[in-house]
Amino acid sequence: MPARRPPPDAESPARLAARIEALEDRVRRLEVLVRGSAGAKPPRASGQVRRKAVAAPRVNSRPRPRCPGCTLELPPGARGEACVWCGFQLDAVRLRKRKA
């Protein structure tokens, strides 16, 4: 059974305008809810100056050494003869210093 369609005159321009206004109102309310739940600030006026965000300090700027066999990070502390993850013999290759 095909879906019923309303007659063409039922969707008058006034009725469509009212539906569009209702949808726009719902979108505005949803935007307010999303801004409130995310803790975001409302958009600022065009005359305000944007401040530069301060970056968080880095805890460890140097990357951890990786195993040449499995490319996983080696755990902190004294390195043994083999990788703790895959058993790769670390003395089989000469570890190179990374380029900055």
N, C-alpha and C. Protein backbone atom coordinates (compact mmCIF):
# COMPACT_ATOMS: atom_id res chain seq x y z
N MET A 1 0.85 -1.17 0.00
CA MET A 1 0.00 0.00 0.00
C MET A 1 0.90 1.24 0.00
N PRO A 2 0.79 2.12 -0.97
CA PRO A 2 1.64 3.31 -1.04
C PRO A 2 1.31 4.30 0.08
N ALA A 3 2.32 5.08 0.46
CA ALA A 3 2.13 6.08 1.51
C ALA A 3 1.24 7.20 0.99
N ARG A 4 0.41 7.72 1.89
CA ARG A 4 -0.50 8.80 1.51
C ARG A 4 0.23 10.12 1.56
N ARG A 5 -0.01 10.93 0.58
CA ARG A 5 0.57 12.27 0.53
C ARG A 5 -0.55 13.28 0.75
N PRO A 6 -0.22 14.36 1.48
CA PRO A 6 -1.26 15.37 1.67
C PRO A 6 -1.52 16.11 0.36
N PRO A 7 -2.70 16.64 0.22
CA PRO A 7 -2.99 17.39 -1.00
C PRO A 7 -2.06 18.59 -1.12
N PRO A 8 -1.74 19.03 -2.33
CA PRO A 8 -0.77 20.12 -2.53
C PRO A 8 -1.17 21.41 -1.83
N ASP A 9 -2.45 21.69 -1.68
CA ASP A 9 -2.86 22.94 -1.06
C ASP A 9 -2.71 22.90 0.47
N ALA A 10 -2.50 21.71 1.05
CA ALA A 10 -2.35 21.60 2.51
C ALA A 10 -1.04 22.23 2.97
N GLU A 11 -0.02 22.24 2.11
CA GLU A 11 1.27 22.83 2.46
C GLU A 11 1.33 24.26 1.95
N SER A 12 0.54 25.10 2.51
CA SER A 12 0.51 26.50 2.08
C SER A 12 1.77 27.22 2.54
N PRO A 13 2.11 28.33 1.90
CA PRO A 13 3.31 29.08 2.29
C PRO A 13 3.29 29.53 3.75
N ALA A 14 2.14 29.88 4.27
CA ALA A 14 2.06 30.30 5.67
C ALA A 14 2.37 29.13 6.60
N ARG A 15 1.84 27.98 6.26
CA ARG A 15 2.08 26.80 7.09
C ARG A 15 3.56 26.39 7.03
N LEU A 16 4.15 26.45 5.83
CA LEU A 16 5.57 26.13 5.70
C LEU A 16 6.43 27.11 6.48
N ALA A 17 6.08 28.39 6.44
CA ALA A 17 6.84 29.39 7.19
C ALA A 17 6.76 29.13 8.69
N ALA A 18 5.59 28.71 9.17
CA ALA A 18 5.44 28.40 10.59
C ALA A 18 6.28 27.18 10.97
N ARG A 19 6.30 26.17 10.12
CA ARG A 19 7.12 24.98 10.40
C ARG A 19 8.60 25.32 10.41
N ILE A 20 9.04 26.17 9.47
CA ILE A 20 10.46 26.57 9.43
C ILE A 20 10.82 27.34 10.68
N GLU A 21 9.95 28.25 11.13
CA GLU A 21 10.20 29.02 12.34
C GLU A 21 10.30 28.10 13.56
N ALA A 22 9.43 27.09 13.63
CA ALA A 22 9.47 26.14 14.74
C ALA A 22 10.78 25.35 14.73
N LEU A 23 11.21 24.94 13.55
CA LEU A 23 12.47 24.19 13.45
C LEU A 23 13.66 25.06 13.85
N GLU A 24 13.67 26.31 13.41
CA GLU A 24 14.76 27.21 13.78
C GLU A 24 14.79 27.43 15.29
N ASP A 25 13.62 27.53 15.90
CA ASP A 25 13.56 27.70 17.35
C ASP A 25 14.12 26.47 18.06
N ARG A 26 13.78 25.28 17.57
CA ARG A 26 14.32 24.04 18.16
C ARG A 26 15.83 23.99 18.03
N VAL A 27 16.37 24.39 16.89
CA VAL A 27 17.82 24.39 16.68
C VAL A 27 18.49 25.35 17.65
N ARG A 28 17.90 26.54 17.84
CA ARG A 28 18.48 27.50 18.80
C ARG A 28 18.51 26.92 20.20
N ARG A 29 17.42 26.26 20.62
CA ARG A 29 17.39 25.68 21.96
C ARG A 29 18.41 24.55 22.10
N LEU A 30 18.57 23.74 21.07
CA LEU A 30 19.56 22.67 21.11
C LEU A 30 20.98 23.22 21.19
N GLU A 31 21.25 24.29 20.46
CA GLU A 31 22.58 24.90 20.52
C GLU A 31 22.88 25.41 21.91
N VAL A 32 21.90 25.99 22.58
CA VAL A 32 22.10 26.47 23.96
C VAL A 32 22.39 25.29 24.88
N LEU A 33 21.67 24.19 24.70
CA LEU A 33 21.91 23.01 25.54
C LEU A 33 23.30 22.43 25.31
N VAL A 34 23.71 22.36 24.06
CA VAL A 34 25.03 21.81 23.75
C VAL A 34 26.13 22.70 24.31
N ARG A 35 25.99 24.02 24.14
CA ARG A 35 26.98 24.95 24.70
C ARG A 35 27.06 24.82 26.20
N GLY A 36 25.93 24.67 26.86
CA GLY A 36 25.91 24.56 28.32
C GLY A 36 26.51 23.26 28.80
N SER A 37 26.25 22.16 28.10
CA SER A 37 26.77 20.86 28.54
C SER A 37 28.26 20.72 28.26
N ALA A 38 28.77 21.38 27.23
CA ALA A 38 30.18 21.28 26.89
C ALA A 38 31.00 22.30 27.65
N GLY A 39 30.36 23.20 28.38
CA GLY A 39 31.09 24.21 29.13
C GLY A 39 31.66 25.29 28.23
N ALA A 40 31.17 25.36 27.01
CA ALA A 40 31.69 26.36 26.08
C ALA A 40 31.11 27.71 26.42
N LYS A 41 31.85 28.72 26.10
CA LYS A 41 31.39 30.08 26.31
C LYS A 41 30.56 30.50 25.12
N PRO A 42 29.59 31.41 25.34
CA PRO A 42 28.81 31.88 24.19
C PRO A 42 29.69 32.66 23.23
N PRO A 43 29.32 32.75 21.97
CA PRO A 43 30.16 33.47 21.01
C PRO A 43 30.34 34.92 21.45
N ARG A 44 31.56 35.43 21.28
CA ARG A 44 31.84 36.79 21.74
C ARG A 44 31.49 37.80 20.64
N ALA A 45 31.36 39.02 21.07
CA ALA A 45 31.01 40.09 20.14
C ALA A 45 32.17 40.31 19.16
N SER A 46 31.87 40.90 18.03
CA SER A 46 32.89 41.07 17.00
C SER A 46 33.97 42.07 17.41
N GLY A 47 33.70 42.94 18.40
CA GLY A 47 34.68 43.94 18.81
C GLY A 47 35.70 43.42 19.80
N GLN A 48 35.50 42.23 20.36
CA GLN A 48 36.44 41.70 21.34
C GLN A 48 37.67 41.13 20.66
N VAL A 49 38.79 41.21 21.37
CA VAL A 49 40.06 40.71 20.86
C VAL A 49 40.24 39.29 21.37
N ARG A 50 40.71 38.42 20.50
CA ARG A 50 40.95 37.04 20.87
C ARG A 50 42.31 36.92 21.54
N ARG A 51 42.33 36.26 22.69
CA ARG A 51 43.58 36.06 23.41
C ARG A 51 44.21 34.76 22.96
N LYS A 52 45.53 34.74 22.99
CA LYS A 52 46.25 33.54 22.59
C LYS A 52 46.17 32.53 23.73
N ALA A 53 45.87 31.30 23.39
CA ALA A 53 45.76 30.24 24.39
C ALA A 53 47.16 29.84 24.86
N VAL A 54 47.27 29.58 26.15
CA VAL A 54 48.55 29.16 26.72
C VAL A 54 48.61 27.64 26.65
N ALA A 55 49.67 27.13 26.04
CA ALA A 55 49.83 25.69 25.90
C ALA A 55 50.26 25.07 27.23
N ALA A 56 49.80 23.86 27.46
CA ALA A 56 50.19 23.15 28.68
C ALA A 56 51.66 22.75 28.57
N PRO A 57 52.39 22.80 29.67
CA PRO A 57 53.80 22.42 29.61
C PRO A 57 53.95 20.93 29.30
N ARG A 58 54.97 20.62 28.52
CA ARG A 58 55.22 19.23 28.18
C ARG A 58 55.93 18.54 29.32
N VAL A 59 55.51 17.35 29.61
CA VAL A 59 56.12 16.59 30.69
C VAL A 59 57.42 15.96 30.22
N ASN A 60 57.38 15.30 29.07
CA ASN A 60 58.56 14.64 28.54
C ASN A 60 58.70 15.04 27.08
N SER A 61 59.64 15.93 26.78
CA SER A 61 59.78 16.41 25.41
C SER A 61 60.56 15.45 24.53
N ARG A 62 61.32 14.54 25.13
CA ARG A 62 62.12 13.60 24.35
C ARG A 62 61.35 12.29 24.21
N PRO A 63 61.23 11.77 22.99
CA PRO A 63 60.49 10.51 22.81
C PRO A 63 61.24 9.34 23.42
N ARG A 64 60.47 8.36 23.88
CA ARG A 64 61.07 7.17 24.49
C ARG A 64 61.75 6.33 23.41
N PRO A 65 62.84 5.64 23.76
CA PRO A 65 63.47 4.75 22.77
C PRO A 65 62.54 3.61 22.40
N ARG A 66 62.65 3.19 21.14
CA ARG A 66 61.79 2.12 20.64
C ARG A 66 62.62 0.92 20.21
N CYS A 67 62.01 -0.23 20.28
CA CYS A 67 62.65 -1.47 19.84
C CYS A 67 62.68 -1.48 18.32
N PRO A 68 63.82 -1.78 17.69
CA PRO A 68 63.86 -1.85 16.22
C PRO A 68 63.07 -3.03 15.66
N GLY A 69 62.80 -4.02 16.48
CA GLY A 69 62.08 -5.20 15.99
C GLY A 69 60.57 -5.01 15.96
N CYS A 70 59.99 -4.59 17.08
CA CYS A 70 58.54 -4.46 17.15
C CYS A 70 58.06 -3.02 17.17
N THR A 71 58.96 -2.06 17.25
CA THR A 71 58.72 -0.62 17.28
C THR A 71 57.89 -0.16 18.48
N LEU A 72 57.79 -0.98 19.52
CA LEU A 72 57.12 -0.56 20.75
C LEU A 72 58.10 0.20 21.62
N GLU A 73 57.56 1.09 22.46
CA GLU A 73 58.42 1.85 23.35
C GLU A 73 59.02 0.91 24.40
N LEU A 74 60.32 1.09 24.64
CA LEU A 74 60.97 0.30 25.67
C LEU A 74 60.62 0.88 27.04
N PRO A 75 60.43 0.05 28.05
CA PRO A 75 60.05 0.56 29.36
C PRO A 75 61.19 1.36 29.99
N PRO A 76 60.85 2.26 30.93
CA PRO A 76 61.90 3.05 31.57
C PRO A 76 62.80 2.15 32.43
N GLY A 77 63.98 2.65 32.69
CA GLY A 77 64.93 1.89 33.51
C GLY A 77 66.05 1.32 32.66
N ALA A 78 66.86 0.50 33.30
CA ALA A 78 68.01 -0.09 32.61
C ALA A 78 67.52 -1.05 31.53
N ARG A 79 68.12 -0.93 30.33
CA ARG A 79 67.74 -1.83 29.25
C ARG A 79 68.55 -3.11 29.35
N GLY A 80 67.87 -4.19 29.10
CA GLY A 80 68.56 -5.48 29.09
C GLY A 80 69.14 -5.76 27.71
N GLU A 81 69.47 -7.02 27.47
CA GLU A 81 70.03 -7.40 26.18
C GLU A 81 68.95 -7.60 25.13
N ALA A 82 67.71 -7.87 25.56
CA ALA A 82 66.63 -8.15 24.62
C ALA A 82 65.42 -7.28 24.95
N CYS A 83 64.59 -7.08 23.95
CA CYS A 83 63.35 -6.33 24.11
C CYS A 83 62.41 -7.12 25.01
N VAL A 84 61.77 -6.42 25.94
CA VAL A 84 60.86 -7.11 26.86
C VAL A 84 59.57 -7.52 26.17
N TRP A 85 59.27 -6.94 25.01
CA TRP A 85 58.02 -7.24 24.33
C TRP A 85 58.16 -8.36 23.32
N CYS A 86 59.19 -8.29 22.47
CA CYS A 86 59.29 -9.28 21.38
C CYS A 86 60.54 -10.15 21.48
N GLY A 87 61.47 -9.82 22.38
CA GLY A 87 62.68 -10.61 22.53
C GLY A 87 63.78 -10.26 21.55
N PHE A 88 63.64 -9.18 20.78
CA PHE A 88 64.64 -8.77 19.82
C PHE A 88 65.95 -8.47 20.55
N GLN A 89 67.06 -8.96 20.02
CA GLN A 89 68.38 -8.73 20.61
C GLN A 89 68.81 -7.30 20.28
N LEU A 90 68.81 -6.43 21.30
CA LEU A 90 69.10 -5.02 21.08
C LEU A 90 70.55 -4.78 20.68
N ASP A 91 71.45 -5.67 21.10
CA ASP A 91 72.85 -5.47 20.72
C ASP A 91 73.12 -5.93 19.28
N ALA A 92 72.11 -6.46 18.57
CA ALA A 92 72.28 -6.89 17.19
C ALA A 92 72.37 -5.68 16.25
N VAL A 93 71.82 -4.57 16.65
CA VAL A 93 71.89 -3.36 15.84
C VAL A 93 72.44 -2.23 16.70
N ARG A 94 73.10 -1.31 16.04
CA ARG A 94 73.60 -0.16 16.76
C ARG A 94 72.49 0.87 16.81
N LEU A 95 72.09 1.27 18.00
CA LEU A 95 71.02 2.25 18.14
C LEU A 95 71.54 3.61 17.70
N ARG A 96 70.79 4.26 16.81
CA ARG A 96 71.17 5.56 16.32
C ARG A 96 70.46 6.63 17.13
N LYS A 97 71.13 7.77 17.22
CA LYS A 97 70.48 8.90 17.86
C LYS A 97 69.49 9.50 16.87
N ARG A 98 68.34 9.92 17.40
CA ARG A 98 67.32 10.52 16.53
C ARG A 98 67.73 11.91 16.13
N LYS A 99 67.34 12.29 14.92
CA LYS A 99 67.58 13.65 14.46
C LYS A 99 66.56 14.56 15.09
N ALA A 100 66.99 15.74 15.46
CA ALA A 100 66.08 16.68 16.11
C ALA A 100 65.18 17.37 15.14
